[in-house]
């Protein structure tokens, strides 16, 4: 999941450099959502292993 977030972040950076603001915005939103989902799943996984 984190891998895909990084990929979308790189796509957003490249699109921003090339001037594609719509694609850059969409890719950065997708990357942000994937990163948040990764964090939530990582926290849940940490607490499940302790208990």
PDB file of N, CA and C in Angstrom:
ATOM      1  N   UNK A   1       0.827  -1.184   0.000  1.00  0.00           N
ATOM      2  CA  UNK A   1       0.000   0.000   0.000  1.00  0.00           C
ATOM      3  C   UNK A   1       0.876   1.255   0.000  1.00  0.00           C
ATOM      4  N   UNK A   2       1.899   1.240   0.804  1.00  0.00           N
ATOM      5  CA  UNK A   2       2.798   2.395   0.842  1.00  0.00           C
ATOM      6  C   UNK A   2       3.523   2.550  -0.496  1.00  0.00           C
ATOM      7  N   UNK A   3       3.792   1.443  -1.140  1.00  0.00           N
ATOM      8  CA  UNK A   3       4.455   1.463  -2.444  1.00  0.00           C
ATOM      9  C   UNK A   3       3.602   2.234  -3.463  1.00  0.00           C
ATOM     10  N   UNK A   4       2.301   1.957  -3.482  1.00  0.00           N
ATOM     11  CA  UNK A   4       1.414   2.652  -4.408  1.00  0.00           C
ATOM     12  C   UNK A   4       1.287   4.129  -4.071  1.00  0.00           C
ATOM     13  N   UNK A   5       1.314   4.463  -2.787  1.00  0.00           N
ATOM     14  CA  UNK A   5       1.255   5.869  -2.391  1.00  0.00           C
ATOM     15  C   UNK A   5       2.474   6.619  -2.912  1.00  0.00           C
ATOM     16  N   UNK A   6       3.638   6.002  -2.812  1.00  0.00           N
ATOM     17  CA  UNK A   6       4.862   6.632  -3.312  1.00  0.00           C
ATOM     18  C   UNK A   6       4.810   6.777  -4.831  1.00  0.00           C
ATOM     19  N   UNK A   7       4.308   5.761  -5.512  1.00  0.00           N
ATOM     20  CA  UNK A   7       4.192   5.824  -6.975  1.00  0.00           C
ATOM     21  C   UNK A   7       3.280   6.978  -7.394  1.00  0.00           C
ATOM     22  N   UNK A   8       2.115   7.112  -6.747  1.00  0.00           N
ATOM     23  CA  UNK A   8       1.210   8.206  -7.101  1.00  0.00           C
ATOM     24  C   UNK A   8       1.811   9.559  -6.752  1.00  0.00           C
ATOM     25  N   UNK A   9       2.611   9.630  -5.681  1.00  0.00           N
ATOM     26  CA  UNK A   9       3.277  10.879  -5.339  1.00  0.00           C
ATOM     27  C   UNK A   9       4.285  11.262  -6.420  1.00  0.00           C
ATOM     28  N   UNK A  10       5.026  10.295  -6.918  1.00  0.00           N
ATOM     29  CA  UNK A  10       5.991  10.568  -7.988  1.00  0.00           C
ATOM     30  C   UNK A  10       5.268  10.999  -9.266  1.00  0.00           C
ATOM     31  N   UNK A  11       4.153  10.344  -9.560  1.00  0.00           N
ATOM     32  CA  UNK A  11       3.355  10.737 -10.729  1.00  0.00           C
ATOM     33  C   UNK A  11       2.873  12.179 -10.573  1.00  0.00           C
ATOM     34  N   UNK A  12       2.446  12.537  -9.354  1.00  0.00           N
ATOM     35  CA  UNK A  12       1.990  13.907  -9.107  1.00  0.00           C
ATOM     36  C   UNK A  12       3.121  14.912  -9.300  1.00  0.00           C
ATOM     37  N   UNK A  13       4.309  14.574  -8.821  1.00  0.00           N
ATOM     38  CA  UNK A  13       5.448  15.483  -9.000  1.00  0.00           C
ATOM     39  C   UNK A  13       5.799  15.662 -10.467  1.00  0.00           C
ATOM     40  N   UNK A  14       5.837  14.572 -11.210  1.00  0.00           N
ATOM     41  CA  UNK A  14       6.168  14.664 -12.634  1.00  0.00           C
ATOM     42  C   UNK A  14       5.098  15.460 -13.382  1.00  0.00           C
ATOM     43  N   UNK A  15       3.833  15.197 -13.080  1.00  0.00           N
ATOM     44  CA  UNK A  15       2.750  15.926 -13.746  1.00  0.00           C
ATOM     45  C   UNK A  15       2.800  17.410 -13.399  1.00  0.00           C
ATOM     46  N   UNK A  16       3.152  17.736 -12.161  1.00  0.00           N
ATOM     47  CA  UNK A  16       3.242  19.149 -11.771  1.00  0.00           C
ATOM     48  C   UNK A  16       4.376  19.845 -12.507  1.00  0.00           C
ATOM     49  N   UNK A  17       5.493  19.159 -12.657  1.00  0.00           N
ATOM     50  CA  UNK A  17       6.633  19.753 -13.366  1.00  0.00           C
ATOM     51  C   UNK A  17       6.278  19.982 -14.832  1.00  0.00           C
ATOM     52  N   UNK A  18       5.525  19.062 -15.412  1.00  0.00           N
ATOM     53  CA  UNK A  18       5.159  19.185 -16.819  1.00  0.00           C
ATOM     54  C   UNK A  18       3.962  20.113 -17.054  1.00  0.00           C
ATOM     55  N   UNK A  19       3.330  20.565 -15.966  1.00  0.00           N
ATOM     56  CA  UNK A  19       2.245  21.526 -16.114  1.00  0.00           C
ATOM     57  C   UNK A  19       0.849  20.935 -16.151  1.00  0.00           C
ATOM     58  N   UNK A  20       0.713  19.671 -15.857  1.00  0.00           N
ATOM     59  CA  UNK A  20      -0.605  19.029 -15.838  1.00  0.00           C
ATOM     60  C   UNK A  20      -1.173  19.121 -14.424  1.00  0.00           C
ATOM     61  N   UNK A  21      -1.778  20.266 -14.114  1.00  0.00           N
ATOM     62  CA  UNK A  21      -2.212  20.499 -12.737  1.00  0.00           C
ATOM     63  C   UNK A  21      -3.376  19.598 -12.330  1.00  0.00           C
ATOM     64  N   UNK A  22      -4.264  19.272 -13.248  1.00  0.00           N
ATOM     65  CA  UNK A  22      -5.397  18.400 -12.927  1.00  0.00           C
ATOM     66  C   UNK A  22      -4.945  16.998 -12.564  1.00  0.00           C
ATOM     67  N   UNK A  23      -4.048  16.464 -13.357  1.00  0.00           N
ATOM     68  CA  UNK A  23      -3.521  15.122 -13.088  1.00  0.00           C
ATOM     69  C   UNK A  23      -2.685  15.132 -11.820  1.00  0.00           C
ATOM     70  N   UNK A  24      -1.918  16.192 -11.609  1.00  0.00           N
ATOM     71  CA  UNK A  24      -1.090  16.291 -10.409  1.00  0.00           C
ATOM     72  C   UNK A  24      -1.965  16.346  -9.156  1.00  0.00           C
ATOM     73  N   UNK A  25      -3.026  17.088  -9.204  1.00  0.00           N
ATOM     74  CA  UNK A  25      -3.939  17.177  -8.061  1.00  0.00           C
ATOM     75  C   UNK A  25      -4.610  15.855  -7.764  1.00  0.00           C
ATOM     76  N   UNK A  26      -5.069  15.189  -8.808  1.00  0.00           N
ATOM     77  CA  UNK A  26      -5.734  13.899  -8.617  1.00  0.00           C
ATOM     78  C   UNK A  26      -4.759  12.858  -8.077  1.00  0.00           C
ATOM     79  N   UNK A  27      -3.561  12.824  -8.613  1.00  0.00           N
ATOM     80  CA  UNK A  27      -2.569  11.851  -8.161  1.00  0.00           C
ATOM     81  C   UNK A  27      -2.143  12.120  -6.724  1.00  0.00           C
ATOM     82  N   UNK A  28      -2.030  13.390  -6.350  1.00  0.00           N
ATOM     83  CA  UNK A  28      -1.646  13.693  -4.969  1.00  0.00           C
ATOM     84  C   UNK A  28      -2.770  13.343  -4.002  1.00  0.00           C
ATOM     85  N   UNK A  29      -4.018  13.525  -4.410  1.00  0.00           N
ATOM     86  CA  UNK A  29      -5.141  13.112  -3.564  1.00  0.00           C
ATOM     87  C   UNK A  29      -5.166  11.597  -3.378  1.00  0.00           C
ATOM     88  N   UNK A  30      -4.941  10.852  -4.433  1.00  0.00           N
ATOM     89  CA  UNK A  30      -4.900   9.401  -4.339  1.00  0.00           C
ATOM     90  C   UNK A  30      -3.749   8.959  -3.447  1.00  0.00           C
ATOM     91  N   UNK A  31      -2.588   9.584  -3.608  1.00  0.00           N
ATOM     92  CA  UNK A  31      -1.435   9.245  -2.780  1.00  0.00           C
ATOM     93  C   UNK A  31      -1.730   9.531  -1.309  1.00  0.00           C
ATOM     94  N   UNK A  32      -2.382  10.647  -1.015  1.00  0.00           N
ATOM     95  CA  UNK A  32      -2.710  10.992   0.368  1.00  0.00           C
ATOM     96  C   UNK A  32      -3.674   9.976   0.969  1.00  0.00           C
ATOM     97  N   UNK A  33      -4.695   9.584   0.222  1.00  0.00           N
ATOM     98  CA  UNK A  33      -5.664   8.597   0.705  1.00  0.00           C
ATOM     99  C   UNK A  33      -4.981   7.264   0.961  1.00  0.00           C
ATOM    100  N   UNK A  34      -4.139   6.814   0.056  1.00  0.00           N
ATOM    101  CA  UNK A  34      -3.440   5.546   0.242  1.00  0.00           C
ATOM    102  C   UNK A  34      -2.511   5.597   1.441  1.00  0.00           C
ATOM    103  N   UNK A  35      -1.858   6.736   1.669  1.00  0.00           N
ATOM    104  CA  UNK A  35      -0.971   6.867   2.814  1.00  0.00           C
ATOM    105  C   UNK A  35      -1.745   6.805   4.122  1.00  0.00           C
ATOM    106  N   UNK A  36      -2.901   7.465   4.173  1.00  0.00           N
ATOM    107  CA  UNK A  36      -3.725   7.426   5.380  1.00  0.00           C
ATOM    108  C   UNK A  36      -4.235   6.009   5.642  1.00  0.00           C
ATOM    109  N   UNK A  37      -4.667   5.321   4.604  1.00  0.00           N
ATOM    110  CA  UNK A  37      -5.118   3.936   4.765  1.00  0.00           C
ATOM    111  C   UNK A  37      -3.968   3.068   5.253  1.00  0.00           C
ATOM    112  N   UNK A  38      -2.767   3.284   4.716  1.00  0.00           N
ATOM    113  CA  UNK A  38      -1.596   2.537   5.178  1.00  0.00           C
ATOM    114  C   UNK A  38      -1.344   2.776   6.660  1.00  0.00           C
ATOM    115  N   UNK A  39      -1.406   4.031   7.092  1.00  0.00           N
ATOM    116  CA  UNK A  39      -1.178   4.343   8.507  1.00  0.00           C
ATOM    117  C   UNK A  39      -2.220   3.680   9.403  1.00  0.00           C
ATOM    118  N   UNK A  40      -3.465   3.724   9.007  1.00  0.00           N
ATOM    119  CA  UNK A  40      -4.529   3.104   9.802  1.00  0.00           C
ATOM    120  C   UNK A  40      -4.308   1.598   9.911  1.00  0.00           C
ATOM    121  N   UNK A  41      -3.993   0.960   8.792  1.00  0.00           N
ATOM    122  CA  UNK A  41      -3.763  -0.487   8.811  1.00  0.00           C
ATOM    123  C   UNK A  41      -2.511  -0.846   9.610  1.00  0.00           C
ATOM    124  N   UNK A  42      -1.487  -0.012   9.551  1.00  0.00           N
ATOM    125  CA  UNK A  42      -0.271  -0.270  10.323  1.00  0.00           C
ATOM    126  C   UNK A  42      -0.544  -0.168  11.817  1.00  0.00           C
ATOM    127  N   UNK A  43      -1.323   0.823  12.223  1.00  0.00           N
ATOM    128  CA  UNK A  43      -1.658   0.984  13.642  1.00  0.00           C
ATOM    129  C   UNK A  43      -2.515  -0.182  14.123  1.00  0.00           C
ATOM    130  N   UNK A  44      -3.489  -0.596  13.331  1.00  0.00           N
ATOM    131  CA  UNK A  44      -4.326  -1.741  13.697  1.00  0.00           C
ATOM    132  C   UNK A  44      -3.469  -2.991  13.810  1.00  0.00           C
ATOM    133  N   UNK A  45      -2.563  -3.176  12.887  1.00  0.00           N
ATOM    134  CA  UNK A  45      -1.689  -4.345  12.913  1.00  0.00           C
ATOM    135  C   UNK A  45      -0.800  -4.349  14.157  1.00  0.00           C
ATOM    136  N   UNK A  46      -0.291  -3.178  14.541  1.00  0.00           N
ATOM    137  CA  UNK A  46       0.550  -3.095  15.746  1.00  0.00           C
ATOM    138  C   UNK A  46      -0.225  -3.496  16.993  1.00  0.00           C
ATOM    139  N   UNK A  47      -1.453  -3.010  17.126  1.00  0.00           N
ATOM    140  CA  UNK A  47      -2.238  -3.315  18.306  1.00  0.00           C
ATOM    141  C   UNK A  47      -2.720  -4.765  18.335  1.00  0.00           C
ATOM    142  N   UNK A  48      -2.945  -5.360  17.181  1.00  0.00           N
ATOM    143  CA  UNK A  48      -3.391  -6.752  17.145  1.00  0.00           C
ATOM    144  C   UNK A  48      -2.266  -7.699  17.531  1.00  0.00           C
ATOM    145  N   UNK A  49      -1.012  -7.336  17.199  1.00  0.00           N
ATOM    146  CA  UNK A  49       0.112  -8.208  17.537  1.00  0.00           C
ATOM    147  C   UNK A  49       0.423  -8.158  19.030  1.00  0.00           C
ATOM    148  N   UNK A  50       0.116  -7.049  19.681  1.00  0.00           N
ATOM    149  CA  UNK A  50       0.400  -6.931  21.120  1.00  0.00           C
ATOM    150  C   UNK A  50      -0.595  -7.756  21.936  1.00  0.00           C
ATOM    151  N   UNK A  51      -1.825  -7.818  21.486  1.00  0.00           N
ATOM    152  CA  UNK A  51      -2.881  -8.463  22.264  1.00  0.00           C
ATOM    153  C   UNK A  51      -2.969  -9.895  21.966  1.00  0.00           C
TER     154      UNK A  51
END
